[in-house]
Amino acid sequence: MPSYTFDITEKCIAFVYETIKDMPGNAGQEVLVDRLPKDTYGKVTVKVDVEAEGDVNISSEGEINWRSNHPDAIEIILKEADNNTELITNQATIPGPWDLEDAVATGNWKIVGWDSEWK
């Protein structure tokens, strides 16, 4: 039974940043939110197992730790980032309209609703 692993960390960070970048209410919060992708650490992977019958099982694991030098100043935004990280990692387990062979060949696991280029 073949198994493949794809690192989707950068896609998760990009997705979450897009969902929170307009949330700051003042210039100080804007600076903190703009720094989040740089100050963040963690790793998220998607694992694809192909069974002998041809069935495909997709799972995700890992986490992104959103951190800020002043977490109290953007507490609500950090909570939203955590929630949206969970959303995108779950979204990554939905099979899309592309070939697994393409994902294996390119190393690019496409996430339904995020990646707009379908192959």
N, C-alpha and C. Protein backbone atom coordinates (compact mmCIF):
# COMPACT_ATOMS: atom_id res chain seq x y z
N MET A 1 0.85 -1.17 0.00
CA MET A 1 0.00 0.00 0.00
C MET A 1 0.90 1.24 0.00
N PRO A 2 0.92 2.00 -1.09
CA PRO A 2 1.76 3.21 -1.11
C PRO A 2 1.22 4.31 -0.21
N SER A 3 2.14 5.08 0.30
CA SER A 3 1.80 6.20 1.18
C SER A 3 2.64 7.39 0.76
N TYR A 4 2.01 8.58 0.77
CA TYR A 4 2.69 9.81 0.36
C TYR A 4 2.44 10.88 1.41
N THR A 5 3.44 11.71 1.64
CA THR A 5 3.31 12.81 2.60
C THR A 5 3.66 14.12 1.90
N PHE A 6 2.83 15.13 2.15
CA PHE A 6 3.00 16.45 1.55
C PHE A 6 3.05 17.50 2.66
N ASP A 7 4.03 18.37 2.58
CA ASP A 7 4.14 19.47 3.54
C ASP A 7 3.26 20.63 3.04
N ILE A 8 2.25 20.99 3.83
CA ILE A 8 1.35 22.08 3.44
C ILE A 8 1.47 23.27 4.40
N THR A 9 2.57 23.34 5.13
CA THR A 9 2.76 24.39 6.13
C THR A 9 2.63 25.78 5.52
N GLU A 10 3.35 26.04 4.44
CA GLU A 10 3.33 27.37 3.83
C GLU A 10 1.94 27.74 3.32
N LYS A 11 1.22 26.76 2.78
CA LYS A 11 -0.14 27.04 2.32
C LYS A 11 -1.05 27.39 3.50
N CYS A 12 -0.87 26.69 4.60
CA CYS A 12 -1.68 26.98 5.79
C CYS A 12 -1.40 28.39 6.30
N ILE A 13 -0.15 28.75 6.37
CA ILE A 13 0.22 30.08 6.85
C ILE A 13 -0.34 31.15 5.92
N ALA A 14 -0.20 30.93 4.62
CA ALA A 14 -0.71 31.91 3.65
C ALA A 14 -2.22 32.05 3.74
N PHE A 15 -2.93 30.94 3.85
CA PHE A 15 -4.39 30.98 3.95
C PHE A 15 -4.82 31.74 5.20
N VAL A 16 -4.24 31.39 6.33
CA VAL A 16 -4.64 32.03 7.59
C VAL A 16 -4.32 33.52 7.56
N TYR A 17 -3.16 33.87 7.04
CA TYR A 17 -2.81 35.29 6.96
C TYR A 17 -3.85 36.06 6.13
N GLU A 18 -4.26 35.47 5.02
CA GLU A 18 -5.27 36.13 4.18
C GLU A 18 -6.58 36.34 4.94
N THR A 19 -6.91 35.43 5.85
CA THR A 19 -8.18 35.55 6.58
C THR A 19 -8.12 36.53 7.75
N ILE A 20 -6.91 36.87 8.21
CA ILE A 20 -6.80 37.76 9.38
C ILE A 20 -6.17 39.10 9.07
N LYS A 21 -5.61 39.28 7.89
CA LYS A 21 -4.81 40.48 7.61
C LYS A 21 -5.61 41.78 7.71
N ASP A 22 -6.92 41.73 7.56
CA ASP A 22 -7.73 42.94 7.63
C ASP A 22 -8.41 43.12 8.99
N MET A 23 -8.08 42.30 9.96
CA MET A 23 -8.71 42.37 11.27
C MET A 23 -8.17 43.46 12.20
N PRO A 24 -6.91 43.89 12.06
CA PRO A 24 -6.39 44.88 13.02
C PRO A 24 -7.23 46.15 13.06
N GLY A 25 -7.34 46.70 14.28
CA GLY A 25 -8.12 47.91 14.46
C GLY A 25 -7.27 49.16 14.61
N ASN A 26 -5.95 48.98 14.66
CA ASN A 26 -5.07 50.15 14.78
C ASN A 26 -3.71 49.80 14.18
N ALA A 27 -2.86 50.81 14.06
CA ALA A 27 -1.55 50.65 13.42
C ALA A 27 -0.66 49.66 14.17
N GLY A 28 -0.73 49.67 15.49
CA GLY A 28 0.07 48.74 16.28
C GLY A 28 -0.31 47.29 16.01
N GLN A 29 -1.61 47.05 15.94
CA GLN A 29 -2.07 45.70 15.63
C GLN A 29 -1.68 45.30 14.21
N GLU A 30 -1.72 46.25 13.28
CA GLU A 30 -1.32 45.96 11.90
C GLU A 30 0.11 45.46 11.85
N VAL A 31 1.00 46.10 12.57
CA VAL A 31 2.41 45.69 12.60
C VAL A 31 2.53 44.27 13.16
N LEU A 32 1.81 44.01 14.24
CA LEU A 32 1.88 42.68 14.86
C LEU A 32 1.34 41.60 13.93
N VAL A 33 0.23 41.88 13.26
CA VAL A 33 -0.36 40.90 12.35
C VAL A 33 0.54 40.69 11.13
N ASP A 34 1.14 41.75 10.62
CA ASP A 34 2.06 41.61 9.49
C ASP A 34 3.27 40.74 9.85
N ARG A 35 3.66 40.73 11.12
CA ARG A 35 4.80 39.93 11.57
C ARG A 35 4.44 38.47 11.79
N LEU A 36 3.18 38.18 11.97
CA LEU A 36 2.78 36.81 12.33
C LEU A 36 3.34 35.73 11.41
N PRO A 37 3.25 35.86 10.08
CA PRO A 37 3.79 34.78 9.24
C PRO A 37 5.29 34.54 9.46
N LYS A 38 6.01 35.57 9.85
CA LYS A 38 7.46 35.43 10.08
C LYS A 38 7.76 34.84 11.46
N ASP A 39 6.90 35.13 12.44
CA ASP A 39 7.12 34.68 13.81
C ASP A 39 6.49 33.31 14.10
N THR A 40 5.76 32.80 13.16
CA THR A 40 5.04 31.55 13.33
C THR A 40 5.97 30.36 13.16
N TYR A 41 5.67 29.32 13.87
CA TYR A 41 6.44 28.09 13.70
C TYR A 41 5.50 26.89 13.76
N GLY A 42 5.96 25.79 13.25
CA GLY A 42 5.19 24.56 13.24
C GLY A 42 5.28 23.90 11.88
N LYS A 43 4.54 22.82 11.74
CA LYS A 43 4.53 22.08 10.49
C LYS A 43 3.21 21.34 10.37
N VAL A 44 2.66 21.36 9.16
CA VAL A 44 1.43 20.62 8.88
C VAL A 44 1.69 19.76 7.64
N THR A 45 1.33 18.50 7.73
CA THR A 45 1.49 17.60 6.60
C THR A 45 0.17 16.91 6.29
N VAL A 46 0.05 16.51 5.04
CA VAL A 46 -1.06 15.69 4.59
C VAL A 46 -0.48 14.33 4.25
N LYS A 47 -1.11 13.29 4.71
CA LYS A 47 -0.69 11.93 4.40
C LYS A 47 -1.77 11.28 3.55
N VAL A 48 -1.35 10.69 2.46
CA VAL A 48 -2.27 10.01 1.55
C VAL A 48 -1.86 8.54 1.49
N ASP A 49 -2.77 7.68 1.91
CA ASP A 49 -2.55 6.23 1.85
C ASP A 49 -3.45 5.65 0.78
N VAL A 50 -2.87 4.87 -0.12
CA VAL A 50 -3.62 4.21 -1.18
C VAL A 50 -3.69 2.73 -0.83
N GLU A 51 -4.91 2.23 -0.65
CA GLU A 51 -5.11 0.83 -0.30
C GLU A 51 -5.09 -0.03 -1.55
N ALA A 52 -4.92 -1.32 -1.35
CA ALA A 52 -4.84 -2.27 -2.47
C ALA A 52 -6.07 -2.19 -3.38
N GLU A 53 -7.22 -1.89 -2.81
CA GLU A 53 -8.46 -1.79 -3.60
C GLU A 53 -8.55 -0.49 -4.38
N GLY A 54 -7.58 0.39 -4.18
CA GLY A 54 -7.61 1.67 -4.86
C GLY A 54 -8.23 2.79 -4.04
N ASP A 55 -8.77 2.46 -2.88
CA ASP A 55 -9.33 3.50 -2.01
C ASP A 55 -8.21 4.39 -1.50
N VAL A 56 -8.52 5.66 -1.36
CA VAL A 56 -7.54 6.64 -0.90
C VAL A 56 -8.00 7.21 0.44
N ASN A 57 -7.11 7.17 1.42
CA ASN A 57 -7.38 7.77 2.73
C ASN A 57 -6.45 8.96 2.90
N ILE A 58 -7.04 10.11 3.25
CA ILE A 58 -6.28 11.35 3.40
C ILE A 58 -6.43 11.84 4.83
N SER A 59 -5.31 12.17 5.45
CA SER A 59 -5.35 12.72 6.81
C SER A 59 -4.32 13.85 6.91
N SER A 60 -4.53 14.71 7.88
CA SER A 60 -3.56 15.78 8.12
C SER A 60 -3.13 15.72 9.57
N GLU A 61 -1.92 16.19 9.80
CA GLU A 61 -1.42 16.24 11.17
C GLU A 61 -0.43 17.37 11.31
N GLY A 62 -0.22 17.77 12.53
CA GLY A 62 0.69 18.86 12.83
C GLY A 62 -0.07 20.07 13.32
N GLU A 63 0.68 21.14 13.51
CA GLU A 63 0.06 22.36 13.99
C GLU A 63 0.92 23.56 13.61
N ILE A 64 0.28 24.69 13.59
CA ILE A 64 0.95 25.98 13.39
C ILE A 64 0.78 26.75 14.70
N ASN A 65 1.87 27.24 15.22
CA ASN A 65 1.83 28.02 16.45
C ASN A 65 1.99 29.49 16.10
N TRP A 66 0.88 30.20 16.20
CA TRP A 66 0.87 31.64 15.92
C TRP A 66 1.32 32.35 17.17
N ARG A 67 2.41 33.12 17.05
CA ARG A 67 2.90 33.82 18.23
C ARG A 67 3.22 35.26 17.89
N SER A 68 3.11 36.06 18.92
CA SER A 68 3.33 37.49 18.77
C SER A 68 4.11 37.99 19.98
N ASN A 69 4.87 39.06 19.77
CA ASN A 69 5.58 39.68 20.89
C ASN A 69 4.61 40.31 21.88
N HIS A 70 3.42 40.64 21.41
CA HIS A 70 2.39 41.25 22.26
C HIS A 70 1.06 40.54 22.03
N PRO A 71 0.95 39.29 22.50
CA PRO A 71 -0.26 38.51 22.22
C PRO A 71 -1.53 39.13 22.79
N ASP A 72 -1.42 39.85 23.91
CA ASP A 72 -2.61 40.46 24.49
C ASP A 72 -3.22 41.50 23.55
N ALA A 73 -2.38 42.15 22.75
CA ALA A 73 -2.86 43.21 21.86
C ALA A 73 -3.66 42.66 20.68
N ILE A 74 -3.43 41.39 20.36
CA ILE A 74 -4.14 40.80 19.21
C ILE A 74 -4.74 39.44 19.58
N GLU A 75 -5.18 39.32 20.80
CA GLU A 75 -5.69 38.04 21.32
C GLU A 75 -6.81 37.48 20.45
N ILE A 76 -7.76 38.30 20.06
CA ILE A 76 -8.89 37.84 19.24
C ILE A 76 -8.39 37.40 17.86
N ILE A 77 -7.44 38.12 17.32
CA ILE A 77 -6.89 37.79 16.00
C ILE A 77 -6.13 36.46 16.08
N LEU A 78 -5.38 36.23 17.14
CA LEU A 78 -4.67 34.97 17.30
C LEU A 78 -5.64 33.79 17.43
N LYS A 79 -6.74 34.02 18.12
CA LYS A 79 -7.75 32.96 18.24
C LYS A 79 -8.34 32.65 16.87
N GLU A 80 -8.60 33.68 16.09
CA GLU A 80 -9.11 33.48 14.73
C GLU A 80 -8.08 32.73 13.88
N ALA A 81 -6.81 33.06 14.05
CA ALA A 81 -5.74 32.36 13.32
C ALA A 81 -5.73 30.88 13.68
N ASP A 82 -5.86 30.57 14.96
CA ASP A 82 -5.92 29.16 15.38
C ASP A 82 -7.12 28.45 14.77
N ASN A 83 -8.28 29.09 14.82
CA ASN A 83 -9.48 28.48 14.25
C ASN A 83 -9.34 28.25 12.75
N ASN A 84 -8.76 29.22 12.04
CA ASN A 84 -8.61 29.09 10.60
C ASN A 84 -7.51 28.10 10.21
N THR A 85 -6.53 27.90 11.09
CA THR A 85 -5.53 26.86 10.86
C THR A 85 -6.21 25.50 10.90
N GLU A 86 -7.07 25.30 11.87
CA GLU A 86 -7.82 24.04 11.95
C GLU A 86 -8.71 23.86 10.72
N LEU A 87 -9.34 24.94 10.28
CA LEU A 87 -10.20 24.88 9.10
C LEU A 87 -9.41 24.44 7.86
N ILE A 88 -8.27 25.05 7.59
CA ILE A 88 -7.52 24.73 6.37
C ILE A 88 -6.88 23.35 6.45
N THR A 89 -6.45 22.91 7.63
CA THR A 89 -5.88 21.56 7.73
C THR A 89 -6.96 20.51 7.52
N ASN A 90 -8.17 20.77 7.98
CA ASN A 90 -9.27 19.86 7.69
C ASN A 90 -9.65 19.90 6.22
N GLN A 91 -9.65 21.08 5.64
CA GLN A 91 -9.98 21.26 4.22
C GLN A 91 -8.99 20.48 3.34
N ALA A 92 -7.76 20.38 3.79
CA ALA A 92 -6.72 19.69 3.03
C ALA A 92 -6.97 18.19 2.90
N THR A 93 -7.88 17.65 3.70
CA THR A 93 -8.16 16.21 3.63
C THR A 93 -9.29 15.88 2.65
N ILE A 94 -9.83 16.89 2.00
CA ILE A 94 -10.91 16.65 1.02
C ILE A 94 -10.27 16.39 -0.34
N PRO A 95 -10.58 15.25 -0.95
CA PRO A 95 -10.01 14.97 -2.27
C PRO A 95 -10.48 16.00 -3.29
N GLY A 96 -9.58 16.41 -4.14
CA GLY A 96 -9.91 17.41 -5.15
C GLY A 96 -9.97 16.78 -6.53
N PRO A 97 -10.31 17.59 -7.51
CA PRO A 97 -10.46 17.09 -8.88
C PRO A 97 -9.13 17.05 -9.64
N TRP A 98 -8.11 16.48 -9.04
CA TRP A 98 -6.81 16.36 -9.70
C TRP A 98 -6.29 14.95 -9.47
N ASP A 99 -5.27 14.59 -10.20
CA ASP A 99 -4.69 13.26 -10.10
C ASP A 99 -3.66 13.20 -8.99
N LEU A 100 -3.69 12.13 -8.23
CA LEU A 100 -2.70 11.91 -7.19
C LEU A 100 -1.30 11.86 -7.80
N GLU A 101 -1.19 11.28 -8.98
CA GLU A 101 0.11 11.18 -9.64
C GLU A 101 0.72 12.57 -9.86
N ASP A 102 -0.10 13.54 -10.21
CA ASP A 102 0.38 14.91 -10.40
C ASP A 102 0.90 15.48 -9.09
N ALA A 103 0.17 15.25 -8.01
CA ALA A 103 0.61 15.73 -6.70
C ALA A 103 1.93 15.08 -6.29
N VAL A 104 2.06 13.79 -6.55
CA VAL A 104 3.29 13.08 -6.20
C VAL A 104 4.45 13.61 -7.05
N ALA A 105 4.21 13.78 -8.34
CA ALA A 105 5.27 14.24 -9.25
C ALA A 105 5.74 15.65 -8.93
N THR A 106 4.83 16.52 -8.54
CA THR A 106 5.19 17.92 -8.29
C THR A 106 5.47 18.20 -6.82
N GLY A 107 5.02 17.30 -5.92
CA GLY A 107 5.16 17.55 -4.49
C GLY A 107 4.18 18.58 -3.98
N ASN A 108 3.19 18.92 -4.82
CA ASN A 108 2.23 19.97 -4.49
C ASN A 108 0.85 19.36 -4.21
N TRP A 109 0.49 19.31 -2.94
CA TRP A 109 -0.85 18.86 -2.56
C TRP A 109 -1.77 20.06 -2.63
N LYS A 110 -2.74 19.99 -3.51
CA LYS A 110 -3.67 21.12 -3.68
C LYS A 110 -4.81 21.01 -2.68
N ILE A 111 -5.17 22.16 -2.15
CA ILE A 111 -6.23 22.21 -1.14
C ILE A 111 -7.48 22.79 -1.78
N VAL A 112 -8.56 22.01 -1.69
CA VAL A 112 -9.84 22.43 -2.27
C VAL A 112 -10.27 23.75 -1.61
N GLY A 113 -10.62 24.70 -2.46
CA GLY A 113 -11.05 26.00 -1.95
C GLY A 113 -9.91 26.99 -1.75
N TRP A 114 -8.69 26.54 -1.85
CA TRP A 114 -7.55 27.44 -1.70
C TRP A 114 -6.75 27.52 -2.99
N ASP A 115 -6.34 26.38 -3.50
CA ASP A 115 -5.60 26.36 -4.76
C ASP A 115 -6.58 26.54 -5.91
N SER A 116 -6.32 27.52 -6.74
CA SER A 116 -7.25 27.82 -7.85
C SER A 116 -6.83 27.14 -9.14
N GLU A 117 -5.64 26.62 -9.19
CA GLU A 117 -5.15 26.00 -10.42
C GLU A 117 -5.42 24.51 -10.39
N TRP A 118 -6.39 24.06 -11.12
CA TRP A 118 -6.75 22.64 -11.12
C TRP A 118 -6.08 21.96 -12.31
N LYS A 119 -5.44 20.85 -12.04
CA LYS A 119 -4.80 20.07 -13.11
C LYS A 119 -5.32 18.67 -13.07
